[in-house]
PDB file of all heavy atoms in Angstrom:
ATOM      1  N   TYR A   1      -8.823  26.575  -9.190  1.00  0.00           N
ATOM      2  CA  TYR A   1      -8.209  27.885  -9.008  1.00  0.00           C
ATOM      3  C   TYR A   1      -6.692  27.726  -9.068  1.00  0.00           C
ATOM      4  O   TYR A   1      -6.130  26.850  -8.411  1.00  0.00           O
ATOM      5  CB  TYR A   1      -8.620  28.497  -7.676  1.00  0.00           C
ATOM      6  CG  TYR A   1     -10.114  28.719  -7.535  1.00  0.00           C
ATOM      7  CD1 TYR A   1     -10.927  27.734  -6.970  1.00  0.00           C
ATOM      8  CD2 TYR A   1     -10.707  29.887  -7.983  1.00  0.00           C
ATOM      9  CE1 TYR A   1     -12.287  27.918  -6.847  1.00  0.00           C
ATOM     10  CE2 TYR A   1     -12.074  30.086  -7.858  1.00  0.00           C
ATOM     11  CZ  TYR A   1     -12.862  29.097  -7.293  1.00  0.00           C
ATOM     12  OH  TYR A   1     -14.214  29.284  -7.179  1.00  0.00           O
ATOM     13  N   GLN A   2      -6.039  28.564  -9.855  1.00  0.00           N
ATOM     14  CA  GLN A   2      -4.599  28.468 -10.023  1.00  0.00           C
ATOM     15  C   GLN A   2      -3.910  29.674  -9.397  1.00  0.00           C
ATOM     16  O   GLN A   2      -4.315  30.816  -9.595  1.00  0.00           O
ATOM     17  CB  GLN A   2      -4.223  28.390 -11.500  1.00  0.00           C
ATOM     18  CG  GLN A   2      -2.713  28.291 -11.731  1.00  0.00           C
ATOM     19  CD  GLN A   2      -2.339  28.366 -13.188  1.00  0.00           C
ATOM     20  OE1 GLN A   2      -3.132  28.808 -14.011  1.00  0.00           O
ATOM     21  NE2 GLN A   2      -1.123  27.950 -13.525  1.00  0.00           N
ATOM     22  N   LEU A   3      -2.859  29.392  -8.633  1.00  0.00           N
ATOM     23  CA  LEU A   3      -2.028  30.442  -8.049  1.00  0.00           C
ATOM     24  C   LEU A   3      -0.642  30.348  -8.658  1.00  0.00           C
ATOM     25  O   LEU A   3       0.013  29.303  -8.580  1.00  0.00           O
ATOM     26  CB  LEU A   3      -1.926  30.279  -6.526  1.00  0.00           C
ATOM     27  CG  LEU A   3      -1.020  31.289  -5.805  1.00  0.00           C
ATOM     28  CD1 LEU A   3      -1.626  32.690  -5.875  1.00  0.00           C
ATOM     29  CD2 LEU A   3      -0.800  30.876  -4.355  1.00  0.00           C
ATOM     30  N   GLU A   4      -0.194  31.418  -9.289  1.00  0.00           N
ATOM     31  CA  GLU A   4       1.148  31.458  -9.858  1.00  0.00           C
ATOM     32  C   GLU A   4       2.114  31.874  -8.762  1.00  0.00           C
ATOM     33  O   GLU A   4       2.376  33.050  -8.543  1.00  0.00           O
ATOM     34  CB  GLU A   4       1.190  32.411 -11.049  1.00  0.00           C
ATOM     35  CG  GLU A   4       0.266  31.969 -12.188  1.00  0.00           C
ATOM     36  CD  GLU A   4       0.312  32.926 -13.369  1.00  0.00           C
ATOM     37  OE1 GLU A   4       0.970  33.982 -13.247  1.00  0.00           O
ATOM     38  OE2 GLU A   4      -0.299  32.613 -14.409  1.00  0.00           O
ATOM     39  N   ALA A   5       2.644  30.873  -8.064  1.00  0.00           N
ATOM     40  CA  ALA A   5       3.392  31.109  -6.826  1.00  0.00           C
ATOM     41  C   ALA A   5       4.869  31.357  -7.043  1.00  0.00           C
ATOM     42  O   ALA A   5       5.628  31.415  -6.081  1.00  0.00           O
ATOM     43  CB  ALA A   5       3.203  29.913  -5.888  1.00  0.00           C
ATOM     44  N   ARG A   6       5.312  31.484  -8.279  1.00  0.00           N
ATOM     45  CA  ARG A   6       6.730  31.766  -8.492  1.00  0.00           C
ATOM     46  C   ARG A   6       7.091  33.173  -8.020  1.00  0.00           C
ATOM     47  O   ARG A   6       8.197  33.436  -7.585  1.00  0.00           O
ATOM     48  CB  ARG A   6       7.071  31.611  -9.974  1.00  0.00           C
ATOM     49  CG  ARG A   6       7.175  30.157 -10.422  1.00  0.00           C
ATOM     50  CD  ARG A   6       7.578  30.064 -11.867  1.00  0.00           C
ATOM     51  NE  ARG A   6       7.729  28.673 -12.293  1.00  0.00           N
ATOM     52  CZ  ARG A   6       8.002  28.313 -13.534  1.00  0.00           C
ATOM     53  NH1 ARG A   6       8.143  29.237 -14.475  1.00  0.00           N
ATOM     54  NH2 ARG A   6       8.114  27.034 -13.837  1.00  0.00           N
ATOM     55  N   SER A   7       6.131  34.069  -8.123  1.00  0.00           N
ATOM     56  CA  SER A   7       6.371  35.441  -7.680  1.00  0.00           C
ATOM     57  C   SER A   7       6.103  35.557  -6.182  1.00  0.00           C
ATOM     58  O   SER A   7       5.104  35.031  -5.684  1.00  0.00           O
ATOM     59  CB  SER A   7       5.456  36.401  -8.449  1.00  0.00           C
ATOM     60  OG  SER A   7       5.522  37.698  -7.893  1.00  0.00           O
ATOM     61  N   PRO A   8       6.987  36.230  -5.437  1.00  0.00           N
ATOM     62  CA  PRO A   8       6.752  36.398  -3.995  1.00  0.00           C
ATOM     63  C   PRO A   8       5.444  37.109  -3.682  1.00  0.00           C
ATOM     64  O   PRO A   8       4.831  36.864  -2.646  1.00  0.00           O
ATOM     65  CB  PRO A   8       7.963  37.214  -3.532  1.00  0.00           C
ATOM     66  CG  PRO A   8       9.023  36.944  -4.553  1.00  0.00           C
ATOM     67  CD  PRO A   8       8.282  36.792  -5.856  1.00  0.00           C
ATOM     68  N   THR A   9       5.020  37.979  -4.593  1.00  0.00           N
ATOM     69  CA  THR A   9       3.769  38.702  -4.346  1.00  0.00           C
ATOM     70  C   THR A   9       2.561  37.762  -4.394  1.00  0.00           C
ATOM     71  O   THR A   9       1.499  38.099  -3.876  1.00  0.00           O
ATOM     72  CB  THR A   9       3.585  39.813  -5.377  1.00  0.00           C
ATOM     73  OG1 THR A   9       3.587  39.240  -6.700  1.00  0.00           O
ATOM     74  CG2 THR A   9       4.709  40.843  -5.274  1.00  0.00           C
ATOM     75  N   ALA A  10       2.736  36.600  -5.021  1.00  0.00           N
ATOM     76  CA  ALA A  10       1.615  35.669  -5.111  1.00  0.00           C
ATOM     77  C   ALA A  10       1.207  35.152  -3.739  1.00  0.00           C
ATOM     78  O   ALA A  10       0.039  34.852  -3.509  1.00  0.00           O
ATOM     79  CB  ALA A  10       1.978  34.498  -6.026  1.00  0.00           C
ATOM     80  N   PHE A  11       2.169  35.060  -2.827  1.00  0.00           N
ATOM     81  CA  PHE A  11       1.837  34.545  -1.508  1.00  0.00           C
ATOM     82  C   PHE A  11       1.000  35.550  -0.714  1.00  0.00           C
ATOM     83  O   PHE A  11       0.280  35.172   0.205  1.00  0.00           O
ATOM     84  CB  PHE A  11       3.107  34.178  -0.753  1.00  0.00           C
ATOM     85  CG  PHE A  11       3.755  32.938  -1.279  1.00  0.00           C
ATOM     86  CD1 PHE A  11       4.812  33.012  -2.164  1.00  0.00           C
ATOM     87  CD2 PHE A  11       3.280  31.688  -0.920  1.00  0.00           C
ATOM     88  CE1 PHE A  11       5.398  31.863  -2.660  1.00  0.00           C
ATOM     89  CE2 PHE A  11       3.860  30.532  -1.414  1.00  0.00           C
ATOM     90  CZ  PHE A  11       4.929  30.616  -2.298  1.00  0.00           C
ATOM     91  N   ALA A  12       1.102  36.825  -1.062  1.00  0.00           N
ATOM     92  CA  ALA A  12       0.211  37.806  -0.446  1.00  0.00           C
ATOM     93  C   ALA A  12      -1.229  37.564  -0.888  1.00  0.00           C
ATOM     94  O   ALA A  12      -2.171  37.725  -0.110  1.00  0.00           O
ATOM     95  CB  ALA A  12       0.646  39.221  -0.814  1.00  0.00           C
ATOM     96  N   VAL A  13      -1.376  37.134  -2.135  1.00  0.00           N
ATOM     97  CA  VAL A  13      -2.709  36.797  -2.637  1.00  0.00           C
ATOM     98  C   VAL A  13      -3.183  35.492  -1.996  1.00  0.00           C
ATOM     99  O   VAL A  13      -4.348  35.351  -1.608  1.00  0.00           O
ATOM    100  CB  VAL A  13      -2.687  36.663  -4.168  1.00  0.00           C
ATOM    101  CG1 VAL A  13      -4.067  36.249  -4.693  1.00  0.00           C
ATOM    102  CG2 VAL A  13      -2.255  37.975  -4.797  1.00  0.00           C
ATOM    103  N   GLY A  14      -2.262  34.526  -1.859  1.00  0.00           N
ATOM    104  CA  GLY A  14      -2.621  33.247  -1.255  1.00  0.00           C
ATOM    105  C   GLY A  14      -3.074  33.368   0.180  1.00  0.00           C
ATOM    106  O   GLY A  14      -3.880  32.559   0.658  1.00  0.00           O
ATOM    107  N   SER A  15      -2.569  34.371   0.889  1.00  0.00           N
ATOM    108  CA  SER A  15      -2.974  34.558   2.284  1.00  0.00           C
ATOM    109  C   SER A  15      -4.398  35.066   2.402  1.00  0.00           C
ATOM    110  O   SER A  15      -5.001  34.987   3.478  1.00  0.00           O
ATOM    111  CB  SER A  15      -2.016  35.537   2.979  1.00  0.00           C
ATOM    112  OG  SER A  15      -2.126  36.833   2.410  1.00  0.00           O
ATOM    113  N   GLN A  16      -4.954  35.593   1.298  1.00  0.00           N
ATOM    114  CA  GLN A  16      -6.318  36.115   1.320  1.00  0.00           C
ATOM    115  C   GLN A  16      -7.321  35.176   0.660  1.00  0.00           C
ATOM    116  O   GLN A  16      -8.521  35.404   0.743  1.00  0.00           O
ATOM    117  CB  GLN A  16      -6.365  37.476   0.602  1.00  0.00           C
ATOM    118  CG  GLN A  16      -5.456  38.527   1.206  1.00  0.00           C
ATOM    119  CD  GLN A  16      -5.835  38.862   2.633  1.00  0.00           C
ATOM    120  OE1 GLN A  16      -7.017  38.973   2.946  1.00  0.00           O
ATOM    121  NE2 GLN A  16      -4.854  39.025   3.493  1.00  0.00           N
ATOM    122  N   PHE A  17      -6.819  34.126   0.002  1.00  0.00           N
ATOM    123  CA  PHE A  17      -7.719  33.172  -0.652  1.00  0.00           C
ATOM    124  C   PHE A  17      -8.117  32.103   0.360  1.00  0.00           C
ATOM    125  O   PHE A  17      -7.286  31.317   0.810  1.00  0.00           O
ATOM    126  CB  PHE A  17      -7.043  32.543  -1.866  1.00  0.00           C
ATOM    127  CG  PHE A  17      -7.949  31.625  -2.643  1.00  0.00           C
ATOM    128  CD1 PHE A  17      -8.855  32.130  -3.560  1.00  0.00           C
ATOM    129  CD2 PHE A  17      -7.898  30.250  -2.452  1.00  0.00           C
ATOM    130  CE1 PHE A  17      -9.698  31.292  -4.268  1.00  0.00           C
ATOM    131  CE2 PHE A  17      -8.733  29.398  -3.152  1.00  0.00           C
ATOM    132  CZ  PHE A  17      -9.637  29.930  -4.066  1.00  0.00           C
ATOM    133  N   MET A  18      -9.393  32.062   0.716  1.00  0.00           N
ATOM    134  CA  MET A  18      -9.874  31.161   1.752  1.00  0.00           C
ATOM    135  C   MET A  18     -10.373  29.850   1.159  1.00  0.00           C
ATOM    136  O   MET A  18     -11.079  29.843   0.147  1.00  0.00           O
ATOM    137  CB  MET A  18     -10.994  31.823   2.569  1.00  0.00           C
ATOM    138  CG  MET A  18     -10.522  33.075   3.292  1.00  0.00           C
ATOM    139  SD  MET A  18      -9.153  32.708   4.427  1.00  0.00           S
ATOM    140  CE  MET A  18      -8.562  34.363   4.795  1.00  0.00           C
ATOM    141  N   LEU A  19      -9.991  28.760   1.792  1.00  0.00           N
ATOM    142  CA  LEU A  19     -10.407  27.438   1.352  1.00  0.00           C
ATOM    143  C   LEU A  19     -11.737  27.051   1.975  1.00  0.00           C
ATOM    144  O   LEU A  19     -12.179  27.654   2.954  1.00  0.00           O
ATOM    145  CB  LEU A  19      -9.344  26.407   1.720  1.00  0.00           C
ATOM    146  CG  LEU A  19      -7.950  26.656   1.156  1.00  0.00           C
ATOM    147  CD1 LEU A  19      -6.986  25.574   1.623  1.00  0.00           C
ATOM    148  CD2 LEU A  19      -7.971  26.730  -0.366  1.00  0.00           C
ATOM    149  N   GLN A  20     -12.346  26.040   1.405  1.00  0.00           N
ATOM    150  CA  GLN A  20     -13.604  25.506   1.904  1.00  0.00           C
ATOM    151  C   GLN A  20     -13.431  24.024   2.217  1.00  0.00           C
ATOM    152  O   GLN A  20     -12.554  23.366   1.652  1.00  0.00           O
ATOM    153  CB  GLN A  20     -14.721  25.698   0.864  1.00  0.00           C
ATOM    154  CG  GLN A  20     -15.037  27.142   0.552  1.00  0.00           C
ATOM    155  CD  GLN A  20     -16.137  27.284  -0.477  1.00  0.00           C
ATOM    156  OE1 GLN A  20     -16.774  26.292  -0.867  1.00  0.00           O
ATOM    157  NE2 GLN A  20     -16.383  28.495  -0.920  1.00  0.00           N
ATOM    158  N   PRO A  21     -14.253  23.487   3.124  1.00  0.00           N
ATOM    159  CA  PRO A  21     -14.148  22.054   3.421  1.00  0.00           C
ATOM    160  C   PRO A  21     -14.271  21.216   2.149  1.00  0.00           C
ATOM    161  O   PRO A  21     -15.144  21.461   1.318  1.00  0.00           O
ATOM    162  CB  PRO A  21     -15.321  21.802   4.371  1.00  0.00           C
ATOM    163  CG  PRO A  21     -15.564  23.121   5.018  1.00  0.00           C
ATOM    164  CD  PRO A  21     -15.272  24.157   3.959  1.00  0.00           C
ATOM    165  N   GLY A  22     -13.390  20.241   2.017  1.00  0.00           N
ATOM    166  CA  GLY A  22     -13.399  19.373   0.847  1.00  0.00           C
ATOM    167  C   GLY A  22     -12.494  19.827  -0.272  1.00  0.00           C
ATOM    168  O   GLY A  22     -12.295  19.086  -1.244  1.00  0.00           O
ATOM    169  N   ASP A  23     -11.921  21.034  -0.184  1.00  0.00           N
ATOM    170  CA  ASP A  23     -11.007  21.512  -1.217  1.00  0.00           C
ATOM    171  C   ASP A  23      -9.765  20.626  -1.287  1.00  0.00           C
ATOM    172  O   ASP A  23      -9.284  20.114  -0.271  1.00  0.00           O
ATOM    173  CB  ASP A  23     -10.582  22.951  -0.951  1.00  0.00           C
ATOM    174  CG  ASP A  23     -11.656  23.953  -1.347  1.00  0.00           C
ATOM    175  OD1 ASP A  23     -12.676  23.522  -1.929  1.00  0.00           O
ATOM    176  OD2 ASP A  23     -11.480  25.155  -1.075  1.00  0.00           O
ATOM    177  N   VAL A  24      -9.248  20.465  -2.495  1.00  0.00           N
ATOM    178  CA  VAL A  24      -8.006  19.728  -2.714  1.00  0.00           C
ATOM    179  C   VAL A  24      -6.967  20.706  -3.234  1.00  0.00           C
ATOM    180  O   VAL A  24      -7.154  21.323  -4.291  1.00  0.00           O
ATOM    181  CB  VAL A  24      -8.203  18.578  -3.718  1.00  0.00           C
ATOM    182  CG1 VAL A  24      -6.869  17.867  -3.972  1.00  0.00           C
ATOM    183  CG2 VAL A  24      -9.228  17.586  -3.210  1.00  0.00           C
ATOM    184  N   VAL A  25      -5.886  20.884  -2.479  1.00  0.00           N
ATOM    185  CA  VAL A  25      -4.774  21.729  -2.905  1.00  0.00           C
ATOM    186  C   VAL A  25      -3.745  20.818  -3.569  1.00  0.00           C
ATOM    187  O   VAL A  25      -3.224  19.891  -2.942  1.00  0.00           O
ATOM    188  CB  VAL A  25      -4.150  22.474  -1.709  1.00  0.00           C
ATOM    189  CG1 VAL A  25      -2.988  23.345  -2.173  1.00  0.00           C
ATOM    190  CG2 VAL A  25      -5.199  23.327  -1.010  1.00  0.00           C
ATOM    191  N   PHE A  26      -3.495  21.066  -4.840  1.00  0.00           N
ATOM    192  CA  PHE A  26      -2.602  20.205  -5.626  1.00  0.00           C
ATOM    193  C   PHE A  26      -1.407  21.023  -6.098  1.00  0.00           C
ATOM    194  O   PHE A  26      -1.566  22.096  -6.696  1.00  0.00           O
ATOM    195  CB  PHE A  26      -3.356  19.624  -6.821  1.00  0.00           C
ATOM    196  CG  PHE A  26      -2.496  18.817  -7.751  1.00  0.00           C
ATOM    197  CD1 PHE A  26      -2.215  17.496  -7.476  1.00  0.00           C
ATOM    198  CD2 PHE A  26      -1.959  19.387  -8.898  1.00  0.00           C
ATOM    199  CE1 PHE A  26      -1.420  16.753  -8.323  1.00  0.00           C
ATOM    200  CE2 PHE A  26      -1.170  18.655  -9.749  1.00  0.00           C
ATOM    201  CZ  PHE A  26      -0.893  17.328  -9.460  1.00  0.00           C
ATOM    202  N   ILE A  27      -0.214  20.514  -5.844  1.00  0.00           N
ATOM    203  CA  ILE A  27       1.026  21.161  -6.285  1.00  0.00           C
ATOM    204  C   ILE A  27       1.648  20.272  -7.346  1.00  0.00           C
ATOM    205  O   ILE A  27       2.052  19.131  -7.070  1.00  0.00           O
ATOM    206  CB  ILE A  27       2.016  21.357  -5.121  1.00  0.00           C
ATOM    207  CG1 ILE A  27       1.310  21.984  -3.923  1.00  0.00           C
ATOM    208  CG2 ILE A  27       3.197  22.207  -5.574  1.00  0.00           C
ATOM    209  CD1 ILE A  27       0.676  23.325  -4.197  1.00  0.00           C
ATOM    210  N   GLY A  28       1.745  20.799  -8.571  1.00  0.00           N
ATOM    211  CA  GLY A  28       2.295  20.022  -9.670  1.00  0.00           C
ATOM    212  C   GLY A  28       3.812  19.973  -9.642  1.00  0.00           C
ATOM    213  O   GLY A  28       4.482  20.761  -8.971  1.00  0.00           O
ATOM    214  N   ALA A  29       4.348  19.026 -10.393  1.00  0.00           N
ATOM    215  CA  ALA A  29       5.794  18.844 -10.457  1.00  0.00           C
ATOM    216  C   ALA A  29       6.387  19.700 -11.558  1.00  0.00           C
ATOM    217  O   ALA A  29       5.733  20.022 -12.554  1.00  0.00           O
ATOM    218  CB  ALA A  29       6.117  17.372 -10.697  1.00  0.00           C
ATOM    219  N   ALA A  30       7.653  20.076 -11.373  1.00  0.00           N
ATOM    220  CA  ALA A  30       8.374  20.837 -12.386  1.00  0.00           C
ATOM    221  C   ALA A  30       8.619  19.962 -13.603  1.00  0.00           C
ATOM    222  O   ALA A  30       8.599  18.729 -13.526  1.00  0.00           O
ATOM    223  CB  ALA A  30       9.696  21.343 -11.816  1.00  0.00           C
ATOM    224  N   GLY A  31       8.892  20.613 -14.771  1.00  0.00           N
ATOM    225  CA  GLY A  31       9.107  19.865 -15.998  1.00  0.00           C
ATOM    226  C   GLY A  31      10.268  18.905 -15.911  1.00  0.00           C
ATOM    227  O   GLY A  31      10.188  17.756 -16.360  1.00  0.00           O
ATOM    228  N   VAL A  32      11.381  19.320 -15.308  1.00  0.00           N
ATOM    229  CA  VAL A  32      12.543  18.439 -15.179  1.00  0.00           C
ATOM    230  C   VAL A  32      12.196  17.232 -14.324  1.00  0.00           C
ATOM    231  O   VAL A  32      12.593  16.097 -14.593  1.00  0.00           O
ATOM    232  CB  VAL A  32      13.732  19.210 -14.573  1.00  0.00           C
ATOM    233  CG1 VAL A  32      14.899  18.269 -14.300  1.00  0.00           C
ATOM    234  CG2 VAL A  32      14.159  20.331 -15.510  1.00  0.00           C
ATOM    235  N   THR A  33      11.402  17.461 -13.295  1.00  0.00           N
ATOM    236  CA  THR A  33      11.003  16.357 -12.419  1.00  0.00           C
ATOM    237  C   THR A  33      10.167  15.348 -13.187  1.00  0.00           C
ATOM    238  O   THR A  33      10.365  14.134 -13.074  1.00  0.00           O
ATOM    239  CB  THR A  33      10.208  16.897 -11.228  1.00  0.00           C
ATOM    240  OG1 THR A  33      11.016  17.823 -10.509  1.00  0.00           O
ATOM    241  CG2 THR A  33       9.786  15.762 -10.293  1.00  0.00           C
ATOM    242  N   ARG A  34       9.251  15.829 -13.992  1.00  0.00           N
ATOM    243  CA  ARG A  34       8.424  14.914 -14.778  1.00  0.00           C
ATOM    244  C   ARG A  34       9.284  14.114 -15.748  1.00  0.00           C
ATOM    245  O   ARG A  34       9.076  12.938 -15.969  1.00  0.00           O
ATOM    246  CB  ARG A  34       7.336  15.694 -15.519  1.00  0.00           C
ATOM    247  CG  ARG A  34       6.349  16.404 -14.605  1.00  0.00           C
ATOM    248  CD  ARG A  34       5.089  16.813 -15.348  1.00  0.00           C
ATOM    249  NE  ARG A  34       5.375  17.612 -16.535  1.00  0.00           N
ATOM    250  CZ  ARG A  34       5.538  18.924 -16.508  1.00  0.00           C
ATOM    251  NH1 ARG A  34       5.462  19.577 -15.366  1.00  0.00           N
ATOM    252  NH2 ARG A  34       5.770  19.598 -17.609  1.00  0.00           N
ATOM    253  N   TRP A  35      10.269  14.797 -16.357  1.00  0.00           N
ATOM    254  CA  TRP A  35      11.161  14.112 -17.299  1.00  0.00           C
ATOM    255  C   TRP A  35      11.998  13.060 -16.573  1.00  0.00           C
ATOM    256  O   TRP A  35      12.150  11.935 -17.054  1.00  0.00           O
ATOM    257  CB  TRP A  35      12.035  15.134 -17.980  1.00  0.00           C
ATOM    258  CG  TRP A  35      13.217  14.540 -18.694  1.00  0.00           C
ATOM    259  CD1 TRP A  35      14.525  14.725 -18.433  1.00  0.00           C
ATOM    260  CD2 TRP A  35      13.171  13.642 -19.810  1.00  0.00           C
ATOM    261  NE1 TRP A  35      15.294  14.020 -19.298  1.00  0.00           N
ATOM    262  CE2 TRP A  35      14.496  13.339 -20.163  1.00  0.00           C
ATOM    263  CE3 TRP A  35      12.125  13.072 -20.534  1.00  0.00           C
ATOM    264  CZ2 TRP A  35      14.814  12.491 -21.201  1.00  0.00           C
ATOM    265  CZ3 TRP A  35      12.445  12.227 -21.579  1.00  0.00           C
ATOM    266  CH2 TRP A  35      13.773  11.941 -21.899  1.00  0.00           C
ATOM    267  N   ASN A  36      12.525  13.409 -15.392  1.00  0.00           N
ATOM    268  CA  ASN A  36      13.329  12.448 -14.637  1.00  0.00           C
ATOM    269  C   ASN A  36      12.512  11.222 -14.250  1.00  0.00           C
ATOM    270  O   ASN A  36      12.994  10.094 -14.289  1.00  0.00           O
ATOM    271  CB  ASN A  36      13.902  13.113 -13.383  1.00  0.00           C
ATOM    272  CG  ASN A  36      15.005  14.100 -13.715  1.00  0.00           C
ATOM    273  OD1 ASN A  36      15.604  14.029 -14.788  1.00  0.00           O
ATOM    274  ND2 ASN A  36      15.278  15.016 -12.803  1.00  0.00           N
ATOM    275  N   ARG A  37      11.260  11.449 -13.864  1.00  0.00           N
ATOM    276  CA  ARG A  37      10.408  10.324 -13.504  1.00  0.00           C
ATOM    277  C   ARG A  37      10.149   9.437 -14.708  1.00  0.00           C
ATOM    278  O   ARG A  37      10.103   8.213 -14.612  1.00  0.00           O
ATOM    279  CB  ARG A  37       9.092  10.829 -12.921  1.00  0.00           C
ATOM    280  CG  ARG A  37       9.251  11.437 -11.541  1.00  0.00           C
ATOM    281  CD  ARG A  37       7.957  12.014 -11.049  1.00  0.00           C
ATOM    282  NE  ARG A  37       8.115  12.576  -9.709  1.00  0.00           N
ATOM    283  CZ  ARG A  37       7.194  13.288  -9.097  1.00  0.00           C
ATOM    284  NH1 ARG A  37       6.041  13.526  -9.695  1.00  0.00           N
ATOM    285  NH2 ARG A  37       7.405  13.771  -7.880  1.00  0.00           N
TER     286      ARG A  37
END
């Protein structure tokens, strides 16, 4: 499941999306960060 969190309104959606045991929440790196690495 992908959440487009750049928009402030996305966090209103995130507050209603319920997780389940065993879920993995993954936050990817920005493009510049990947390039720097």
